[in-house]
C-alpha cells in the first residue's frame, strides 16, 4: 500500500545543509499547514492527546495531577507548543520525557525547562545534549543545549510515573535509532509512544553517529511488538497513528533489508556498489516516499552496519 509523504524531521536550516541531493525541498514543507495550525491535537483517551507538529510526534497527558508531555518538537515551535498546551489544559506542565536527543524531539526543552517543567530522559540523552554533537549522516555539528533544557532526571533502564490515572512506563532500549532511545507506554489505555524506533510508512533515519544501527532497530521493534496487542494504539516517532500490524510490516521490511545488505557486505561489496545495486527496489514503492530517498537511506544503513560489524 502507498503511504502519505511525510514532512522532514529536519528544519529548513538543516535542509539547506544537506542540499537537494539528500532532502527534496518539498519535504521541508510542513504537511500540517493545510490544517491551519503549526501543531494539531487528536484526543485519544482519558485526557491523552496525540500532538503533531513539524518534528517528531508528541503525546500529552492532562488531568488534575498536572500535564505530562512526550517530546517537544523544534525550538522554533516553542510558542505554538505552549499555546497548544494552554488550550488543552489549565494545569501546569510537570514533566517532559525525551525519547532521544535529536533536536526535532528536544527543541522545546529550553523553553519548557525555563517554565519549570522537569525533563526526564535516558542518561545518554543528557550526555549528548550537554555537548556539541556531530551527525555523521549529514556532516553537521549540532550545538549543545543550554543547561535549562537538559534532563534533570535520568535513568538507565527505565522509570514509571503515576499521573492522571495513568501508569506511564518509560523504558530504555539498547542502541537502535540512537544510544538513548526510550519508549513510553500508557498501561491503562494501551497507548504506546515508540519514539523514532518506528517511522510509520517510510524508511527511518538511523543515526549511526549516535550508536544507531538497523539490527538494533529490528530488536527494538521486536520488543515493542511483544508489548503491543491488536488493540494497542501506537504513536510512531514520525508518521500517522498506527496499529500493531503497521509496526509488524515495518519490522519485517527492516529485517528483509538487513539480510540483503548483510549478504552483500559479506560478499565484499563496497558501499557504492551496494547502493548501485538497488537492493530495496521492490520495497521502494511502499517505503521509499519519505524524506530520505532509497539510495540515501541504503547508504546510511550500510554505514551503521559496518560500524557494528553488520
Protein backbone atom coordinates (compact mmCIF):
# COMPACT_ATOMS: atom_id res chain seq x y z
CA UNK A 1 0.00 0.00 0.00
CA UNK A 2 1.07 3.59 -0.54
CA UNK A 3 1.52 5.97 2.37
CA UNK A 4 1.38 9.76 2.54
CA UNK A 5 4.63 11.64 2.07
CA UNK A 6 5.77 12.82 5.50
CA UNK A 7 7.38 16.10 6.27
CA UNK A 8 11.08 16.04 7.03
CA UNK A 9 12.06 15.73 10.70
CA UNK A 10 14.73 18.37 9.99
CA UNK A 11 14.12 22.14 9.82
CA UNK A 12 14.80 24.33 6.81
CA UNK A 13 18.26 25.23 8.09
CA UNK A 14 19.29 21.58 8.10
CA UNK A 15 17.71 21.01 4.72
CA UNK A 16 19.92 23.78 3.37
CA UNK A 17 22.97 21.99 4.75
CA UNK A 18 22.09 18.75 3.08
CA UNK A 19 21.09 20.08 -0.30
CA UNK A 20 18.59 18.77 -2.75
CA UNK A 21 20.53 15.56 -3.21
CA UNK A 22 19.72 14.47 0.32
CA UNK A 23 16.38 16.04 1.14
CA UNK A 24 13.96 17.18 -1.51
CA UNK A 25 12.91 20.75 -0.93
CA UNK A 26 9.27 19.75 -0.97
CA UNK A 27 9.71 17.58 2.09
CA UNK A 28 10.73 20.59 4.15
CA UNK A 29 7.20 21.96 3.80
CA UNK A 30 5.16 21.26 6.88
CA UNK A 31 2.41 18.81 5.97
CA UNK A 32 0.00 20.07 8.64
CA UNK A 33 -0.08 23.68 7.38
CA UNK A 34 -3.12 22.90 5.30
CA UNK A 35 -4.97 22.19 8.53
CA UNK A 36 -4.45 25.78 9.63
CA UNK A 37 -2.07 25.39 12.55
CA UNK A 38 1.53 24.55 13.37
CA UNK A 39 0.52 21.89 15.89
CA UNK A 40 -2.56 19.70 15.66
CA UNK A 41 -4.09 17.69 18.50
CA UNK A 42 -6.01 14.43 18.38
CA UNK A 43 -7.78 13.18 21.53
CA UNK A 44 -7.06 9.53 22.32
CA UNK A 45 -8.38 8.52 25.74
CA UNK A 46 -8.69 9.76 29.34
CA UNK A 47 -7.07 13.16 28.81
CA UNK A 48 -4.39 11.81 26.48
CA UNK A 49 -3.68 13.54 23.16
CA UNK A 50 -1.51 12.95 20.11
CA UNK A 51 0.16 16.20 19.06
CA UNK A 52 1.72 16.59 15.63
CA UNK A 53 3.87 19.49 14.52
CA UNK A 54 6.90 19.85 12.27
CA UNK A 55 9.17 17.39 14.05
CA UNK A 56 8.58 14.16 15.90
CA UNK A 57 5.15 13.20 17.18
CA UNK A 58 4.30 14.29 20.72
CA UNK A 59 1.89 12.93 23.32
CA UNK A 60 0.24 14.93 26.10
CA UNK A 61 -1.45 13.64 29.26
CA UNK A 62 -3.74 16.10 31.02
CA UNK A 63 -5.56 15.93 34.34
CA UNK A 64 -5.69 17.05 37.95
CA UNK A 65 -2.13 15.82 38.62
CA UNK A 66 -0.69 18.19 36.04
CA UNK A 67 0.37 17.81 32.44
CA UNK A 68 2.89 15.28 31.15
CA UNK A 69 4.48 15.63 27.70
CA UNK A 70 6.44 13.26 25.50
CA UNK A 71 8.95 15.17 23.32
CA UNK A 72 8.62 18.84 22.38
CA UNK A 73 9.34 19.38 18.66
CA UNK A 74 11.68 22.09 17.31
CA UNK A 75 12.85 25.12 19.27
CA UNK A 76 11.12 27.44 16.79
CA UNK A 77 7.75 25.89 17.65
CA UNK A 78 8.04 26.52 21.39
CA UNK A 79 5.49 29.33 21.30
CA UNK A 80 2.99 27.32 19.30
CA UNK A 81 3.51 24.34 21.58
CA UNK A 82 2.86 26.42 24.68
CA UNK A 83 -0.29 27.82 23.08
CA UNK A 84 -1.48 24.29 22.36
CA UNK A 85 -0.81 23.22 25.94
CA UNK A 86 -2.75 26.25 27.20
CA UNK A 87 -5.69 25.28 25.02
CA UNK A 88 -5.77 21.68 26.22
CA UNK A 89 -5.09 22.03 29.93
CA UNK A 90 -5.24 24.63 32.70
CA UNK A 91 -2.80 22.69 34.89
CA UNK A 92 0.96 23.29 34.74
CA UNK A 93 3.30 21.12 32.72
CA UNK A 94 5.11 18.99 35.31
CA UNK A 95 7.16 16.52 33.30
CA UNK A 96 8.64 16.22 29.80
CA UNK A 97 10.12 12.92 28.64
CA UNK A 98 12.58 12.96 25.74
CA UNK A 99 12.54 9.72 23.75
CA UNK A 100 16.05 10.50 22.43
CA UNK A 101 18.33 13.50 21.89
CA UNK A 102 17.51 14.65 18.34
CA UNK A 103 16.54 18.31 18.07
CA UNK A 104 13.18 17.68 16.39
CA UNK A 105 12.20 15.95 19.66
CA UNK A 106 14.04 18.11 22.22
CA UNK A 107 13.96 21.61 20.70
CA UNK A 108 11.37 22.84 23.19
CA UNK A 109 13.37 21.69 26.21
CA UNK A 110 14.88 25.07 26.98
CA UNK A 111 11.58 26.97 26.95
CA UNK A 112 9.71 24.31 28.91
CA UNK A 113 12.55 23.81 31.36
CA UNK A 114 12.71 27.56 31.96
CA UNK A 115 8.99 27.49 32.75
CA UNK A 116 9.56 24.88 35.44
CA UNK A 117 8.92 21.54 33.74
CA UNK A 118 11.08 18.62 34.91
CA UNK A 119 12.79 16.99 31.92
CA UNK A 120 13.30 13.22 32.08
CA UNK A 121 15.39 11.08 29.72
CA UNK A 122 17.89 8.28 29.44
CA UNK A 123 21.33 9.22 30.74
CA UNK A 124 22.79 9.17 27.23
CA UNK A 125 20.31 11.83 26.16
CA UNK A 126 21.65 14.20 28.81
CA UNK A 127 25.22 13.36 27.79
CA UNK A 128 24.56 14.12 24.14
CA UNK A 129 22.54 17.27 24.78
CA UNK A 130 25.27 18.53 27.12
CA UNK A 131 27.86 18.79 24.36
CA UNK A 132 28.06 19.52 20.65
CA UNK A 133 27.05 16.51 18.58
CA UNK A 134 28.30 15.57 15.13
CA UNK A 135 25.63 13.99 12.91
CA UNK A 136 27.66 11.72 10.66
CA UNK A 137 24.90 11.15 8.12
CA UNK A 138 24.59 14.88 7.44
CA UNK A 139 28.16 16.00 8.16
CA UNK A 140 26.91 18.62 10.60
CA UNK A 141 27.59 19.62 14.19
CA UNK A 142 24.59 20.29 16.43
CA UNK A 143 25.30 22.76 19.27
CA UNK A 144 24.83 21.73 22.89
CA UNK A 145 21.57 22.57 24.67
CA UNK A 146 21.62 25.28 27.33
CA UNK A 147 21.63 23.95 30.90
CA UNK A 148 17.99 24.88 31.49
CA UNK A 149 16.96 22.48 28.72
CA UNK A 150 18.90 19.45 29.95
CA UNK A 151 17.20 16.45 31.56
CA UNK A 152 17.37 16.77 35.34
CA UNK A 153 16.07 13.25 35.97
CA UNK A 154 17.89 10.48 34.11
CA UNK A 155 17.56 6.72 34.11
CA UNK A 156 19.48 3.74 32.82
CA UNK A 157 16.78 1.08 32.41
CA UNK A 158 13.54 2.96 32.95
CA UNK A 159 11.21 4.89 35.20
CA UNK A 160 7.48 4.73 35.95
CA UNK A 161 5.29 7.77 36.55
CA UNK A 162 1.79 7.73 38.06
CA UNK A 163 -0.19 10.72 36.82
CA UNK A 164 -3.78 11.48 35.85
CA UNK A 165 -4.91 7.91 36.39
CA UNK A 166 -2.20 6.55 34.10
CA UNK A 167 0.64 4.18 34.85
CA UNK A 168 3.27 5.58 32.49
CA UNK A 169 6.15 3.19 31.84
CA UNK A 170 9.27 4.75 30.30
CA UNK A 171 11.81 2.15 29.27
CA UNK A 172 15.20 2.27 27.62
CA UNK A 173 16.03 0.22 24.54
CA UNK A 174 19.54 -0.91 23.58
CA UNK A 175 21.09 1.16 20.75
CA UNK A 176 18.75 1.26 17.77
CA UNK A 177 17.87 4.70 16.38
CA UNK A 178 20.40 6.20 18.84
CA UNK A 179 22.06 5.03 22.06
CA UNK A 180 19.48 6.82 24.23
CA UNK A 181 16.16 5.54 22.88
CA UNK A 182 13.16 5.08 25.15
CA UNK A 183 9.55 4.11 24.58
CA UNK A 184 6.60 5.23 26.69
CA UNK A 185 3.60 3.01 27.45
CA UNK A 186 0.32 4.19 28.97
CA UNK A 187 -0.80 0.94 30.52
CA UNK A 188 -4.45 1.58 31.36
CA UNK A 189 -5.40 2.94 27.93
CA UNK A 190 -2.99 0.75 25.92
CA UNK A 191 -1.23 3.57 24.08
CA UNK A 192 2.42 3.18 23.10
CA UNK A 193 4.77 6.00 22.03
CA UNK A 194 7.75 4.46 20.25
CA UNK A 195 9.96 7.49 19.69
CA UNK A 196 11.96 7.12 16.48
CA UNK A 197 12.19 3.36 16.70
CA UNK A 198 9.10 3.41 14.44
CA UNK A 199 8.64 5.59 11.34
CA UNK A 200 5.16 4.63 10.19
CA UNK A 201 5.08 4.11 6.44
CA UNK A 202 8.56 5.07 5.31
CA UNK A 203 12.26 4.33 5.68
CA UNK A 204 13.59 5.55 9.04
CA UNK A 205 16.62 7.68 9.73
CA UNK A 206 19.10 5.61 11.74
CA UNK A 207 21.77 7.71 13.45
CA UNK A 208 24.91 5.61 13.23
CA UNK A 209 26.91 8.53 14.62
CA UNK A 210 24.90 8.18 17.84
CA UNK A 211 25.23 4.40 18.03
CA UNK A 212 22.21 3.52 15.90
CA UNK A 213 22.09 0.55 13.56
CA UNK A 214 19.45 -1.48 11.75
CA UNK A 215 19.93 -4.68 13.76
CA UNK A 216 19.19 -2.66 16.88
CA UNK A 217 16.10 -1.20 15.22
CA UNK A 218 14.84 -4.71 14.47
CA UNK A 219 15.48 -5.87 18.03
CA UNK A 220 13.72 -2.79 19.40
CA UNK A 221 10.74 -3.34 17.11
CA UNK A 222 10.54 -6.94 18.32
CA UNK A 223 10.41 -5.73 21.91
CA UNK A 224 7.62 -3.29 21.09
CA UNK A 225 5.70 -5.97 19.20
CA UNK A 226 5.90 -8.22 22.26
CA UNK A 227 4.24 -5.47 24.29
CA UNK A 228 1.59 -4.44 21.78
CA UNK A 229 -1.71 -6.15 21.02
CA UNK A 230 -4.03 -5.73 18.07
CA UNK A 231 -5.86 -3.07 20.10
CA UNK A 232 -2.79 -1.01 21.01
CA UNK A 233 -2.71 2.47 19.56
CA UNK A 234 0.86 3.18 18.54
CA UNK A 235 2.27 6.71 18.26
CA UNK A 236 5.33 6.49 15.98
CA UNK A 237 8.18 8.95 16.07
CA UNK A 238 7.06 10.11 12.64
CA UNK A 239 4.03 9.32 10.54
CA UNK A 240 0.38 8.65 11.34
CA UNK A 241 -1.04 6.91 14.39
CA UNK A 242 -0.59 3.18 13.85
CA UNK A 243 -1.56 -0.28 14.96
CA UNK A 244 0.41 -3.42 15.67
CA UNK A 245 0.06 -4.60 12.07
CA UNK A 246 1.78 -1.41 10.87
CA UNK A 247 4.66 -1.95 13.26
CA UNK A 248 4.92 -5.60 12.18
CA UNK A 249 5.10 -4.67 8.50
CA UNK A 250 7.76 -2.08 9.27
CA UNK A 251 9.80 -4.56 11.30
CA UNK A 252 9.61 -7.15 8.52
CA UNK A 253 10.82 -4.58 5.99
CA UNK A 254 13.82 -3.75 8.19
CA UNK A 255 14.66 -7.44 8.58
CA UNK A 256 14.46 -8.00 4.82
CA UNK A 257 16.78 -5.08 4.09
CA UNK A 258 19.20 -6.09 6.82
CA UNK A 259 19.53 -9.60 5.45
CA UNK A 260 20.07 -8.40 1.89
CA UNK A 261 22.72 -5.90 2.87
CA UNK A 262 24.43 -8.37 5.20
CA UNK A 263 24.90 -10.81 2.35
CA UNK A 264 26.30 -8.09 0.11
CA UNK A 265 28.73 -6.89 2.78
CA UNK A 266 29.87 -10.43 3.46
CA UNK A 267 30.46 -10.85 -0.27
CA UNK A 268 32.85 -7.90 -0.13
CA UNK A 269 30.67 -5.31 -1.84
CA UNK A 270 31.55 -1.69 -1.19
CA UNK A 271 29.10 0.94 -0.01
CA UNK A 272 28.92 2.41 -3.52
CA UNK A 273 28.38 -0.99 -5.11
CA UNK A 274 25.58 -1.82 -2.70
CA UNK A 275 23.78 1.45 -3.40
CA UNK A 276 24.20 0.98 -7.16
CA UNK A 277 22.66 -2.49 -6.94
CA UNK A 278 19.33 -1.00 -5.76
CA UNK A 279 18.74 -3.64 -3.08
CA UNK A 280 15.44 -2.07 -1.97
CA UNK A 281 13.92 -1.60 -5.43
CA UNK A 282 10.94 -3.87 -4.74
CA UNK A 283 10.26 -2.11 -1.42
CA UNK A 284 10.63 1.49 -2.52
CA UNK A 285 7.08 2.00 -3.78
CA UNK A 286 5.75 1.25 -0.30
CA UNK A 287 8.53 2.61 1.93
CA UNK A 288 10.59 4.99 -0.19
CA UNK A 289 8.28 8.01 -0.21
CA UNK A 290 9.73 9.63 2.90
CA UNK A 291 12.25 12.40 3.45
CA UNK A 292 15.18 10.03 2.83
CA UNK A 293 15.19 8.60 -0.65
CA UNK A 294 16.16 4.93 -1.16
CA UNK A 295 19.79 5.42 -2.24
CA UNK A 296 20.47 7.80 0.63
CA UNK A 297 18.78 5.51 3.12
CA UNK A 298 20.70 2.43 1.96
CA UNK A 299 23.95 4.32 2.39
CA UNK A 300 23.02 5.33 5.95
CA UNK A 301 22.06 1.75 6.80
CA UNK A 302 25.32 0.39 5.38
CA UNK A 303 27.29 2.90 7.48
CA UNK A 304 25.61 1.68 10.65
CA UNK A 305 26.07 -1.96 9.74
CA UNK A 306 29.76 -1.51 9.04
CA UNK A 307 30.23 0.33 12.32
CA UNK A 308 28.59 -2.57 14.18
CA UNK A 309 30.04 -5.48 12.19
CA UNK A 310 26.71 -5.91 10.38
